[in-house]
N, C-alpha and C. Protein backbone atom coordinates (compact mmCIF):
# COMPACT_ATOMS: atom_id res chain seq x y z
N MET A 1 28.70 -46.85 37.57
CA MET A 1 28.50 -45.41 37.48
C MET A 1 27.84 -44.85 36.04
N THR A 2 28.21 -45.76 34.87
CA THR A 2 27.58 -45.38 33.62
C THR A 2 26.02 -45.61 33.68
N LYS A 3 26.16 -46.65 34.10
CA LYS A 3 24.34 -47.41 34.46
C LYS A 3 23.57 -46.20 35.06
N LEU A 4 24.25 -45.59 36.23
CA LEU A 4 23.56 -44.56 36.93
C LEU A 4 23.16 -43.30 36.07
N PHE A 5 24.47 -43.08 35.07
CA PHE A 5 24.15 -41.51 34.47
C PHE A 5 23.44 -41.75 33.30
N LEU A 6 23.18 -43.10 32.73
CA LEU A 6 22.00 -43.23 31.40
C LEU A 6 21.08 -43.23 32.07
N THR A 7 20.57 -43.95 33.43
CA THR A 7 19.14 -43.75 34.05
C THR A 7 18.59 -42.63 34.25
N MET A 8 19.85 -41.62 34.94
CA MET A 8 19.51 -40.45 34.90
C MET A 8 18.78 -39.71 33.66
N LEU A 9 19.79 -39.69 32.69
CA LEU A 9 19.33 -39.05 31.17
C LEU A 9 18.25 -39.59 30.92
N MET A 10 17.60 -40.66 30.68
CA MET A 10 16.64 -41.34 30.71
C MET A 10 15.22 -40.65 31.06
N ALA A 11 15.78 -40.36 32.60
CA ALA A 11 14.59 -39.86 33.04
C ALA A 11 14.46 -38.44 33.05
N LEU A 12 15.44 -37.82 32.52
CA LEU A 12 15.22 -36.18 32.36
C LEU A 12 14.54 -35.99 30.83
N LEU A 13 14.99 -37.06 29.76
CA LEU A 13 14.39 -37.03 28.55
C LEU A 13 12.69 -37.29 28.92
N ILE A 14 12.53 -38.07 29.54
CA ILE A 14 11.02 -38.21 29.67
C ILE A 14 10.49 -37.40 30.39
N LEU A 15 10.92 -36.94 31.49
CA LEU A 15 10.45 -35.72 32.33
C LEU A 15 10.25 -34.32 31.80
N ILE A 16 11.60 -33.83 31.23
CA ILE A 16 11.64 -32.48 30.69
C ILE A 16 10.36 -32.38 29.91
N PRO A 17 10.13 -32.73 28.54
CA PRO A 17 8.88 -32.47 27.66
C PRO A 17 7.70 -32.50 28.43
N ALA A 18 7.28 -33.20 29.48
CA ALA A 18 6.03 -33.35 29.96
C ALA A 18 5.90 -32.15 30.96
N ARG A 19 6.79 -31.92 31.48
CA ARG A 19 6.73 -30.40 32.20
C ARG A 19 6.94 -29.66 31.70
N CYS A 20 7.30 -29.46 30.35
CA CYS A 20 7.06 -28.02 29.68
C CYS A 20 6.17 -27.97 28.41
N GLY A 21 5.32 -29.11 28.76
CA GLY A 21 4.24 -29.30 28.01
C GLY A 21 4.59 -29.40 26.26
N LEU A 22 5.49 -30.17 26.44
CA LEU A 22 6.16 -30.30 25.04
C LEU A 22 5.56 -32.12 24.83
N ALA A 23 5.05 -32.70 25.49
CA ALA A 23 5.09 -34.07 25.40
C ALA A 23 3.29 -33.92 24.35
N GLN A 24 3.40 -34.78 23.51
CA GLN A 24 2.26 -34.82 22.45
C GLN A 24 1.12 -35.42 22.91
N SER A 25 -0.12 -34.69 22.51
CA SER A 25 -1.29 -35.15 23.35
C SER A 25 -2.13 -35.23 21.80
N PRO A 26 -3.17 -36.32 21.99
CA PRO A 26 -3.73 -36.53 20.75
C PRO A 26 -4.69 -35.43 20.60
N GLN A 27 -5.15 -35.20 19.58
CA GLN A 27 -6.04 -34.07 18.77
C GLN A 27 -7.31 -34.55 18.63
N ARG A 28 -8.20 -33.84 19.15
CA ARG A 28 -9.33 -34.19 19.00
C ARG A 28 -10.15 -33.51 17.43
N PRO A 29 -10.92 -34.36 16.96
CA PRO A 29 -11.74 -33.73 15.95
C PRO A 29 -12.15 -32.77 16.20
N LEU A 30 -12.47 -31.60 14.94
CA LEU A 30 -13.14 -30.44 15.18
C LEU A 30 -14.48 -30.74 15.28
N THR A 31 -15.09 -29.96 15.89
CA THR A 31 -16.87 -30.16 15.67
C THR A 31 -17.03 -29.48 14.70
N PRO A 32 -18.34 -29.67 14.16
CA PRO A 32 -19.33 -29.09 13.03
C PRO A 32 -19.12 -27.47 13.18
N ALA A 33 -19.62 -26.92 14.51
CA ALA A 33 -19.42 -25.54 14.81
C ALA A 33 -18.09 -24.99 14.31
N GLU A 34 -17.03 -25.71 15.16
CA GLU A 34 -15.43 -25.35 15.06
C GLU A 34 -15.26 -25.01 13.58
N MET A 35 -15.63 -25.95 12.82
CA MET A 35 -15.48 -26.19 11.34
C MET A 35 -16.05 -25.14 10.64
N GLN A 36 -17.36 -24.94 11.05
CA GLN A 36 -18.02 -23.56 10.39
C GLN A 36 -17.65 -22.34 10.74
N GLU A 37 -17.11 -22.18 12.01
CA GLU A 37 -16.45 -21.02 12.50
C GLU A 37 -14.90 -20.51 11.54
N MET A 38 -14.40 -22.00 11.38
CA MET A 38 -12.96 -21.53 10.71
C MET A 38 -13.29 -21.10 9.16
N ARG A 39 -14.36 -21.95 8.71
CA ARG A 39 -14.86 -21.36 7.31
C ARG A 39 -15.00 -20.02 7.03
N GLU A 40 -15.78 -19.73 8.04
CA GLU A 40 -16.30 -18.03 8.02
C GLU A 40 -14.98 -17.22 8.13
N LEU A 41 -14.26 -17.52 9.38
CA LEU A 41 -12.94 -16.79 9.41
C LEU A 41 -11.81 -16.62 8.07
N ALA A 42 -12.13 -17.94 7.34
CA ALA A 42 -10.94 -17.84 6.28
C ALA A 42 -11.65 -17.41 5.28
N LYS A 43 -13.09 -16.93 5.21
CA LYS A 43 -13.78 -16.16 4.06
C LYS A 43 -13.68 -14.96 4.57
N GLU A 44 -13.73 -14.57 5.39
CA GLU A 44 -13.65 -12.66 5.94
C GLU A 44 -11.89 -12.46 5.33
N LYS A 45 -11.65 -13.42 5.82
CA LYS A 45 -9.87 -12.67 5.82
C LYS A 45 -9.59 -12.90 4.24
N GLU A 46 -10.33 -13.75 3.38
CA GLU A 46 -10.36 -13.48 2.12
C GLU A 46 -11.15 -12.16 1.64
N VAL A 47 -12.02 -11.99 2.02
CA VAL A 47 -12.75 -10.91 1.54
C VAL A 47 -11.76 -9.38 1.89
N LYS A 48 -11.19 -9.49 3.07
CA LYS A 48 -10.36 -8.21 3.10
C LYS A 48 -9.15 -8.26 2.28
N GLN A 49 -8.57 -9.43 1.99
CA GLN A 49 -7.61 -9.40 1.20
C GLN A 49 -8.08 -8.66 -0.13
N GLU A 50 -8.90 -9.03 -0.78
CA GLU A 50 -9.62 -9.04 -1.97
C GLU A 50 -9.57 -7.17 -1.75
N GLU A 51 -10.39 -6.65 -0.88
CA GLU A 51 -10.63 -5.41 -0.60
C GLU A 51 -9.36 -4.64 -0.53
N LEU A 52 -8.22 -4.84 -0.06
CA LEU A 52 -7.05 -4.44 -0.19
C LEU A 52 -6.28 -4.45 -1.37
N SER A 53 -6.35 -5.42 -2.21
CA SER A 53 -6.05 -5.63 -3.50
C SER A 53 -6.84 -4.33 -4.28
N ASN A 54 -7.91 -4.41 -3.91
CA ASN A 54 -8.63 -3.34 -4.71
C ASN A 54 -8.45 -1.97 -4.35
N LEU A 55 -7.99 -1.60 -3.28
CA LEU A 55 -7.61 -0.17 -2.74
C LEU A 55 -6.28 0.02 -3.66
N GLU A 56 -5.13 -0.81 -3.59
CA GLU A 56 -4.09 -0.66 -4.23
C GLU A 56 -4.24 -0.45 -5.68
N ARG A 57 -5.41 -1.06 -6.47
CA ARG A 57 -5.30 -0.62 -7.60
C ARG A 57 -6.18 0.73 -8.05
N GLU A 58 -6.99 1.14 -7.05
CA GLU A 58 -7.87 2.04 -6.87
C GLU A 58 -6.43 3.34 -6.47
N THR A 59 -5.68 3.30 -6.10
CA THR A 59 -4.64 4.01 -5.51
C THR A 59 -3.86 4.48 -6.89
N ALA A 60 -3.61 3.54 -7.81
CA ALA A 60 -2.90 3.58 -9.24
C ALA A 60 -3.73 4.39 -9.59
N ARG A 61 -4.98 4.23 -9.93
CA ARG A 61 -6.03 5.23 -10.95
C ARG A 61 -6.20 6.28 -10.12
N ALA A 62 -5.85 6.68 -9.24
CA ALA A 62 -6.16 7.85 -8.59
C ALA A 62 -4.68 8.60 -8.92
N ILE A 63 -3.53 7.97 -9.21
CA ILE A 63 -2.55 8.71 -9.47
C ILE A 63 -2.55 9.05 -10.95
N GLN A 64 -2.92 7.96 -11.66
CA GLN A 64 -3.14 8.01 -12.98
C GLN A 64 -3.69 9.36 -13.40
N TRP A 65 -4.84 9.73 -12.63
CA TRP A 65 -5.81 10.66 -13.22
C TRP A 65 -5.44 11.83 -12.38
N ASN A 66 -4.20 11.97 -11.68
CA ASN A 66 -4.23 13.09 -10.82
C ASN A 66 -5.33 13.76 -9.99
N THR A 67 -5.96 12.81 -8.94
CA THR A 67 -7.37 13.55 -8.32
C THR A 67 -6.81 12.86 -6.78
N GLY A 68 -7.33 13.88 -5.80
CA GLY A 68 -7.09 13.55 -4.60
C GLY A 68 -8.20 13.04 -3.78
N THR A 69 -9.52 12.73 -4.77
CA THR A 69 -10.66 12.46 -3.82
C THR A 69 -10.36 10.92 -3.22
N PHE A 70 -9.71 10.16 -3.84
CA PHE A 70 -9.36 8.75 -3.23
C PHE A 70 -8.84 9.00 -1.93
N PHE A 71 -7.80 9.47 -2.06
CA PHE A 71 -6.65 9.72 -0.79
C PHE A 71 -7.34 10.76 0.23
N ARG A 72 -8.08 11.56 0.20
CA ARG A 72 -8.93 11.81 1.24
C ARG A 72 -9.91 11.15 1.76
N ARG A 73 -10.46 10.14 1.12
CA ARG A 73 -11.33 8.68 1.94
C ARG A 73 -10.32 8.16 2.21
N VAL A 74 -9.49 7.29 1.55
CA VAL A 74 -8.68 6.08 2.53
C VAL A 74 -7.70 6.25 2.99
N TYR A 75 -6.93 7.84 3.17
CA TYR A 75 -5.78 7.84 3.82
C TYR A 75 -6.02 8.35 5.14
N GLY A 76 -5.65 7.82 5.99
CA GLY A 76 -5.91 8.37 7.70
C GLY A 76 -5.15 9.90 7.76
N GLU A 77 -5.68 10.37 8.70
CA GLU A 77 -5.06 11.70 9.11
C GLU A 77 -3.80 12.13 9.35
N ASP A 78 -3.22 10.65 10.15
CA ASP A 78 -2.02 10.71 10.38
C ASP A 78 -1.07 9.92 9.67
N PHE A 79 -1.53 9.84 8.39
CA PHE A 79 -0.45 9.08 7.02
C PHE A 79 0.65 10.42 6.88
N GLU A 80 1.67 8.83 6.95
CA GLU A 80 2.93 9.70 6.35
C GLU A 80 3.50 8.54 5.38
N GLY A 81 3.74 9.48 4.15
CA GLY A 81 4.71 8.77 3.09
C GLY A 81 5.92 9.09 2.70
N ILE A 82 6.52 7.98 2.30
CA ILE A 82 7.87 8.22 1.61
C ILE A 82 8.22 8.63 0.24
N LEU A 83 8.49 9.16 -0.31
CA LEU A 83 8.51 9.13 -1.78
C LEU A 83 10.09 8.45 -2.22
N PRO A 84 10.35 8.30 -3.50
CA PRO A 84 12.11 7.48 -3.82
C PRO A 84 12.91 8.41 -3.58
N SER A 85 12.55 9.63 -3.68
CA SER A 85 13.80 10.67 -3.35
C SER A 85 14.26 10.62 -1.70
N GLY A 86 13.18 10.06 -0.77
CA GLY A 86 13.42 10.14 0.40
C GLY A 86 12.25 11.48 1.51
N GLN A 87 12.21 12.11 0.53
CA GLN A 87 10.88 12.86 0.96
C GLN A 87 10.00 12.48 1.98
N VAL A 88 9.60 12.63 3.02
CA VAL A 88 8.50 12.73 3.90
C VAL A 88 7.22 13.27 3.89
N LEU A 89 6.02 12.81 3.21
CA LEU A 89 4.93 13.78 3.18
C LEU A 89 3.58 13.29 4.27
N ASN A 90 3.02 14.35 4.76
CA ASN A 90 1.98 14.01 5.48
C ASN A 90 0.54 13.81 4.43
N LYS A 91 -0.29 13.52 4.83
CA LYS A 91 -1.66 13.23 4.03
C LYS A 91 -1.84 14.53 2.93
N THR A 92 -1.82 15.93 3.40
CA THR A 92 -2.23 16.96 2.62
C THR A 92 -1.11 17.00 1.72
N ALA A 93 0.20 17.02 2.18
CA ALA A 93 1.30 17.07 1.28
C ALA A 93 1.18 15.93 0.11
N TRP A 94 0.75 14.51 0.45
CA TRP A 94 0.59 14.13 -0.43
C TRP A 94 -0.44 14.11 -1.65
N ILE A 95 -1.39 14.59 -1.05
CA ILE A 95 -2.90 14.76 -1.85
C ILE A 95 -2.48 15.91 -2.96
N THR A 96 -1.73 17.21 -2.28
CA THR A 96 -1.20 18.17 -3.11
C THR A 96 -0.19 17.89 -4.10
N SER A 97 0.70 16.97 -3.78
CA SER A 97 1.66 16.09 -4.80
C SER A 97 1.13 15.51 -5.99
N VAL A 98 -0.16 14.61 -5.54
CA VAL A 98 -0.70 13.92 -6.31
C VAL A 98 -1.81 14.85 -7.57
N GLU A 99 -2.33 15.94 -7.07
CA GLU A 99 -3.20 16.77 -7.76
C GLU A 99 -2.37 17.76 -8.41
N SER A 100 -1.03 18.30 -8.23
CA SER A 100 -0.37 19.35 -8.69
C SER A 100 0.68 18.42 -9.84
N SER A 101 0.86 17.20 -9.63
CA SER A 101 1.78 16.72 -10.43
C SER A 101 1.78 17.03 -12.25
N ASN A 102 3.27 17.14 -12.58
CA ASN A 102 3.59 17.85 -14.04
C ASN A 102 3.47 16.54 -14.83
N VAL A 103 3.23 15.19 -14.56
CA VAL A 103 3.58 14.05 -15.24
C VAL A 103 1.82 13.61 -15.62
N LYS A 104 1.54 13.42 -16.92
CA LYS A 104 0.62 12.76 -17.23
C LYS A 104 0.59 11.73 -17.89
N TYR A 105 -0.09 10.43 -16.99
CA TYR A 105 0.10 9.40 -17.34
C TYR A 105 -1.10 8.60 -18.60
N SER A 106 -0.23 8.09 -19.31
CA SER A 106 -1.12 7.00 -20.25
C SER A 106 -1.67 5.66 -19.43
N SER A 107 -0.47 5.07 -18.92
CA SER A 107 -0.81 4.01 -17.70
C SER A 107 -0.24 4.01 -16.46
N PHE A 108 -0.64 3.52 -15.66
CA PHE A 108 -0.23 3.37 -14.16
C PHE A 108 -0.98 2.16 -13.74
N VAL A 109 -0.40 1.02 -13.17
CA VAL A 109 -0.57 -0.24 -13.16
C VAL A 109 -0.32 -0.65 -11.80
N ALA A 110 -1.04 -1.10 -10.97
CA ALA A 110 -0.39 -1.90 -9.62
C ALA A 110 -0.60 -3.38 -9.80
N SER A 111 0.46 -4.11 -9.62
CA SER A 111 0.07 -5.53 -10.10
C SER A 111 1.33 -6.26 -8.74
N ASP A 112 1.31 -7.23 -9.00
CA ASP A 112 1.83 -8.47 -7.93
C ASP A 112 1.67 -7.82 -6.46
N ILE A 113 0.62 -7.46 -6.23
CA ILE A 113 -0.33 -7.33 -4.85
C ILE A 113 -0.10 -8.46 -4.06
N ARG A 114 0.54 -8.25 -3.24
CA ARG A 114 0.87 -9.15 -1.73
C ARG A 114 0.15 -8.59 -0.38
N VAL A 115 -1.02 -9.06 0.12
CA VAL A 115 -1.29 -8.73 1.24
C VAL A 115 -0.80 -9.63 2.54
N LYS A 116 -0.59 -8.79 3.78
CA LYS A 116 0.05 -9.99 4.67
C LYS A 116 -0.89 -9.33 6.20
N MET A 117 -1.72 -9.85 6.52
CA MET A 117 -2.64 -9.80 7.53
C MET A 117 -2.03 -9.99 9.20
N PHE A 118 -2.30 -8.76 9.96
CA PHE A 118 -1.86 -8.96 11.21
C PHE A 118 -3.27 -8.50 12.26
N GLU A 119 -4.42 -9.41 12.11
CA GLU A 119 -5.56 -8.90 13.11
C GLU A 119 -5.77 -7.75 12.18
N GLU A 120 -5.94 -6.52 12.79
CA GLU A 120 -6.76 -5.47 12.22
C GLU A 120 -5.46 -4.49 11.34
N THR A 121 -4.50 -5.14 11.19
CA THR A 121 -3.33 -4.46 10.44
C THR A 121 -3.20 -5.36 9.34
N ALA A 122 -2.51 -4.59 8.14
CA ALA A 122 -2.23 -4.74 7.01
C ALA A 122 -1.15 -4.51 6.35
N VAL A 123 -0.08 -5.39 5.85
CA VAL A 123 0.97 -4.77 5.24
C VAL A 123 0.55 -5.42 3.50
N VAL A 124 0.68 -4.34 2.68
CA VAL A 124 0.63 -4.32 1.51
C VAL A 124 1.78 -3.85 0.60
N THR A 125 2.35 -4.93 -0.31
CA THR A 125 3.37 -4.61 -1.02
C THR A 125 2.73 -4.89 -2.77
N CYS A 126 3.20 -4.25 -3.26
CA CYS A 126 2.99 -4.50 -5.05
C CYS A 126 4.04 -3.42 -5.75
N LEU A 127 3.74 -3.80 -7.11
CA LEU A 127 5.13 -3.20 -8.18
C LEU A 127 3.97 -2.15 -8.80
N TRP A 128 4.26 -1.05 -9.00
CA TRP A 128 3.61 0.22 -9.88
C TRP A 128 4.53 0.24 -11.02
N SER A 129 3.87 0.02 -12.22
CA SER A 129 4.41 0.47 -13.54
C SER A 129 3.74 1.52 -13.97
N ALA A 130 4.67 2.85 -14.44
CA ALA A 130 3.80 3.72 -15.18
C ALA A 130 4.51 4.25 -16.09
N ARG A 131 3.81 4.75 -17.26
CA ARG A 131 4.04 5.60 -18.30
C ARG A 131 3.56 6.53 -18.75
N GLY A 132 4.13 7.43 -18.91
CA GLY A 132 3.39 8.87 -19.53
C GLY A 132 4.33 9.71 -20.13
N THR A 133 3.83 11.17 -19.44
CA THR A 133 4.83 12.33 -20.20
C THR A 133 5.08 13.26 -19.28
N ARG A 134 6.11 13.81 -18.91
CA ARG A 134 6.80 15.01 -17.97
C ARG A 134 7.40 16.11 -19.15
N GLU A 135 6.60 17.13 -19.03
CA GLU A 135 7.26 18.29 -20.03
C GLU A 135 7.65 17.91 -21.20
N GLY A 136 6.72 17.04 -22.05
CA GLY A 136 6.61 16.63 -23.35
C GLY A 136 7.65 15.47 -23.64
N LYS A 137 8.38 14.88 -22.78
CA LYS A 137 9.04 13.65 -22.87
C LYS A 137 8.81 12.58 -22.37
N ALA A 138 8.88 11.72 -23.07
CA ALA A 138 7.92 10.19 -22.57
C ALA A 138 8.74 9.91 -21.30
N ILE A 139 8.29 8.96 -20.12
CA ILE A 139 8.88 8.62 -18.99
C ILE A 139 8.19 7.10 -19.02
N ALA A 140 9.04 6.33 -18.20
CA ALA A 140 8.49 5.03 -18.03
C ALA A 140 9.10 4.66 -16.80
N ARG A 141 8.41 4.16 -15.50
CA ARG A 141 9.19 3.71 -14.54
C ARG A 141 8.64 2.50 -13.78
N GLN A 142 9.33 1.89 -12.82
CA GLN A 142 8.60 0.92 -11.95
C GLN A 142 9.19 1.25 -10.48
N SER A 143 8.29 1.19 -9.53
CA SER A 143 8.61 0.81 -7.90
C SER A 143 7.92 -0.22 -7.44
N ARG A 144 8.81 -0.44 -6.48
CA ARG A 144 8.06 -1.40 -5.31
C ARG A 144 7.54 -0.42 -4.12
N VAL A 145 6.44 -0.69 -3.75
CA VAL A 145 5.61 0.01 -3.00
C VAL A 145 5.12 -0.84 -1.52
N THR A 146 5.20 -0.06 -0.53
CA THR A 146 4.72 -0.80 0.85
C THR A 146 3.51 -0.02 1.07
N HIS A 147 2.30 -0.42 1.58
CA HIS A 147 1.34 0.83 2.26
C HIS A 147 1.26 -0.36 3.62
N VAL A 148 0.79 0.23 4.47
CA VAL A 148 0.25 -0.21 5.86
C VAL A 148 -1.14 0.31 6.16
N TYR A 149 -1.95 -0.64 6.34
CA TYR A 149 -3.47 0.06 6.67
C TYR A 149 -4.14 -0.85 7.98
N VAL A 150 -4.66 -0.10 8.69
CA VAL A 150 -5.19 -0.31 9.61
C VAL A 150 -6.88 -0.28 9.86
N TYR A 151 -7.59 -1.27 10.13
CA TYR A 151 -8.88 -1.55 9.91
C TYR A 151 -9.77 -0.55 11.26
N GLY A 152 -10.49 0.35 10.98
CA GLY A 152 -11.45 0.96 11.97
C GLY A 152 -12.76 1.16 11.39
N GLN A 153 -13.12 1.95 12.13
CA GLN A 153 -14.85 2.19 11.92
C GLN A 153 -15.43 2.77 10.39
N ARG A 154 -13.97 3.53 9.81
CA ARG A 154 -14.37 4.02 8.43
C ARG A 154 -13.61 2.91 7.45
N GLY A 155 -13.64 1.57 8.04
CA GLY A 155 -12.64 1.02 7.02
C GLY A 155 -11.34 0.75 6.92
N TRP A 156 -10.75 0.22 5.89
CA TRP A 156 -8.96 0.18 5.89
C TRP A 156 -9.04 1.53 5.46
N GLN A 157 -7.87 2.18 6.32
CA GLN A 157 -7.04 3.71 6.23
C GLN A 157 -5.64 3.51 6.17
N ALA A 158 -5.28 3.97 5.06
CA ALA A 158 -3.64 3.87 4.89
C ALA A 158 -2.97 4.75 5.73
N ILE A 159 -1.80 4.38 6.43
CA ILE A 159 -1.60 4.78 7.54
C ILE A 159 0.30 5.45 7.34
N ALA A 160 0.77 4.50 6.26
CA ALA A 160 1.99 4.83 6.09
C ALA A 160 2.12 4.19 4.51
N SER A 161 3.13 4.49 4.19
CA SER A 161 3.86 4.18 2.46
C SER A 161 4.84 4.52 2.13
N GLN A 162 5.86 3.68 1.66
CA GLN A 162 7.10 3.59 1.28
C GLN A 162 7.15 3.61 0.06
N GLU A 163 7.74 4.07 -1.22
CA GLU A 163 8.01 3.64 -2.56
C GLU A 163 9.62 3.86 -2.64
N THR A 164 9.97 2.63 -3.60
CA THR A 164 11.14 2.32 -4.06
C THR A 164 11.42 2.35 -5.39
N LEU A 165 12.15 3.25 -5.94
CA LEU A 165 12.15 3.27 -7.39
C LEU A 165 12.83 2.23 -7.96
N LEU A 166 12.53 1.41 -9.01
CA LEU A 166 13.62 0.49 -9.17
C LEU A 166 14.55 1.00 -10.28
N PRO A 167 15.92 0.49 -10.41
CA PRO A 167 16.39 0.71 -11.59
C PRO A 167 16.12 0.56 -12.91
N GLY A 168 16.65 1.09 -13.91
CA GLY A 168 16.40 1.08 -15.23
C GLY A 168 15.19 1.85 -15.99
């Protein structure tokens, strides 16, 4: 009885991986054309990641200078942003908020920029560090920010933003 059970168990262990596609097959080497295509895709991804990192730095500059021109160009018409207070702003309200801000920034820097690509969508996180004055009083703050971008006919368009103010 034990021999029969062990024989059936061995048969199952051999048949199940083969039927489920789990059996290992030898990998063939890539052709030169396939290797070239992989290099081109990697280069394209690197270019897109650098482009998105630059957009984050430009976002910080636009906020520092209280100008909405950048946001009119890069933010999608259906953009929604969430401020640290929890307030939800559409594109128009966001631009108005930036342009009418009573904060005068001496510096506003985007750092620790991380880009995750998902085909034609990207999630970008970064650290915003800002110094300036509000009504004559010095302020300094840091926030973690997440932007969601979609690649389309007009290039990368931000469609969502979430800012979380860090303590301290």
